[in-house]
Amino acid sequence: MAESVFVSALAKLDRADAHVEELRGLLLDYMRQPDVVTGTMAGAPRTGHVTFLPVTPMVQVVIGDIAHNLRSALEHVTWQLVLANGGRPKLGAGGTSSRSSPRSRQRLLRSVRTRAPA
């Protein structure tokens, strides 16, 4: 199987890597805030408490983007493996849409078709 069939999966992995780098920067900025961690850890020479400031919503968004890209890469690989083994991949076979009813998927496809440019 040619590596080129995995181009889309590799692109998703590259995008996830870029998000990891972005997350690293966001977390370093977070850790540089003056009051992120105060006190000492329990069991340390001076026992005390630890206080964490909440992370920004952007940290949460980037973590979601990483998870989404990793999941998408896995779906792209799965699709190609089904094709390579002579199968016919099904739309939404590994995605969240597979949990919806067939009727819901049909309505979604109809609405997409009616809104698609001619």
Protein backbone atom coordinates (compact mmCIF):
# COMPACT_ATOMS: atom_id res chain seq x y z
CA MET A 1 0.00 0.00 0.00
CA ALA A 2 1.49 3.30 -1.05
CA GLU A 3 2.21 5.78 1.69
CA SER A 4 0.39 8.44 -0.33
CA VAL A 5 -3.00 7.00 0.70
CA PHE A 6 -2.22 8.21 4.21
CA VAL A 7 -1.54 11.82 3.20
CA SER A 8 -4.71 13.10 4.87
CA ALA A 9 -4.01 11.18 8.08
CA LEU A 10 -0.45 12.50 8.16
CA ALA A 11 -1.75 16.03 7.63
CA LYS A 12 -4.06 15.60 10.64
CA LEU A 13 -1.11 14.36 12.72
CA ASP A 14 0.97 17.35 11.62
CA ARG A 15 -1.86 19.66 12.64
CA ALA A 16 -2.11 17.93 16.02
CA ASP A 17 1.65 18.45 16.48
CA ALA A 18 1.21 22.16 15.74
CA HIS A 19 -1.54 22.32 18.35
CA VAL A 20 0.71 20.57 20.88
CA GLU A 21 3.34 23.26 20.33
CA GLU A 22 0.67 25.93 20.76
CA LEU A 23 -0.50 24.24 23.96
CA ARG A 24 3.07 24.09 25.25
CA GLY A 25 3.38 27.87 24.79
CA LEU A 26 0.02 28.54 26.47
CA LEU A 27 0.96 26.37 29.45
CA LEU A 28 4.37 28.00 29.80
CA ASP A 29 2.66 31.41 29.86
CA TYR A 30 0.24 30.04 32.46
CA MET A 31 3.08 28.77 34.65
CA ARG A 32 4.82 32.16 34.52
CA GLN A 33 1.88 33.87 36.22
CA PRO A 34 2.89 35.02 39.70
CA ASP A 35 0.24 33.14 41.68
CA VAL A 36 -0.23 29.93 39.75
CA VAL A 37 1.16 27.76 42.53
CA THR A 38 1.46 28.89 46.12
CA GLY A 39 2.46 27.09 49.28
CA THR A 40 4.26 23.77 49.39
CA MET A 41 3.20 20.26 48.57
CA ALA A 42 2.06 17.97 51.36
CA GLY A 43 4.95 15.86 52.57
CA ALA A 44 7.50 18.55 51.69
CA PRO A 45 9.65 19.96 54.51
CA ARG A 46 6.96 22.60 55.14
CA THR A 47 3.47 21.24 54.63
CA GLY A 48 0.95 23.53 53.11
CA HIS A 49 -1.46 23.84 50.28
CA VAL A 50 -1.40 24.27 46.54
CA THR A 51 -3.59 26.78 44.74
CA PHE A 52 -4.10 26.59 41.00
CA LEU A 53 -5.45 29.42 38.91
CA PRO A 54 -7.94 28.30 36.26
CA VAL A 55 -6.51 27.87 32.79
CA THR A 56 -7.78 30.08 30.01
CA PRO A 57 -10.55 28.86 27.72
CA MET A 58 -8.00 28.84 24.88
CA VAL A 59 -6.10 26.00 26.63
CA GLN A 60 -9.31 23.98 26.65
CA VAL A 61 -9.97 24.77 22.99
CA VAL A 62 -6.48 23.73 21.91
CA ILE A 63 -6.74 20.46 23.85
CA GLY A 64 -10.02 19.79 22.03
CA ASP A 65 -8.35 20.57 18.69
CA ILE A 66 -5.57 18.08 19.46
CA ALA A 67 -8.08 15.36 20.33
CA HIS A 68 -10.14 16.11 17.22
CA ASN A 69 -7.15 15.91 14.88
CA LEU A 70 -5.89 12.67 16.42
CA ARG A 71 -9.33 11.09 16.12
CA SER A 72 -9.67 12.31 12.54
CA ALA A 73 -6.27 10.85 11.63
CA LEU A 74 -7.39 7.49 13.02
CA GLU A 75 -10.59 7.65 10.97
CA HIS A 76 -8.63 8.48 7.79
CA VAL A 77 -6.33 5.48 8.38
CA THR A 78 -9.30 3.21 9.08
CA TRP A 79 -10.98 4.34 5.86
CA GLN A 80 -7.86 3.54 3.83
CA LEU A 81 -7.42 0.15 5.49
CA VAL A 82 -11.00 -0.81 4.66
CA LEU A 83 -10.38 0.19 1.02
CA ALA A 84 -7.07 -1.70 0.92
CA ASN A 85 -8.83 -4.86 2.08
CA GLY A 86 -11.50 -4.66 -0.60
CA GLY A 87 -14.21 -3.21 1.60
CA ARG A 88 -16.51 -0.27 1.08
CA PRO A 89 -16.20 2.26 3.89
CA LYS A 90 -19.47 3.61 5.20
CA LEU A 91 -20.04 7.32 5.66
CA GLY A 92 -19.78 8.10 9.36
CA ALA A 93 -18.70 4.55 10.19
CA GLY A 94 -16.22 5.68 12.82
CA GLY A 95 -17.57 9.12 13.58
CA THR A 96 -20.12 10.58 15.89
CA SER A 97 -22.76 10.45 13.17
CA SER A 98 -22.75 6.64 13.44
CA ARG A 99 -24.44 6.99 16.83
CA SER A 100 -27.38 8.84 15.34
CA SER A 101 -30.31 7.03 13.81
CA PRO A 102 -30.36 6.28 10.07
CA ARG A 103 -33.33 8.65 9.77
CA SER A 104 -31.30 11.49 11.34
CA ARG A 105 -28.44 10.86 8.91
CA GLN A 106 -30.87 10.90 5.98
CA ARG A 107 -32.30 14.24 7.11
CA LEU A 108 -28.80 15.65 7.48
CA LEU A 109 -27.77 14.48 4.00
CA ARG A 110 -30.98 15.90 2.50
CA SER A 111 -30.40 19.27 4.14
CA VAL A 112 -26.79 19.36 2.94
CA ARG A 113 -27.85 18.51 -0.62
CA THR A 114 -30.54 21.19 -0.68
CA ARG A 115 -28.08 23.82 0.56
CA ALA A 116 -25.18 22.83 -1.68
CA PRO A 117 -24.34 25.33 -4.42
CA ALA A 118 -25.43 24.25 -7.89
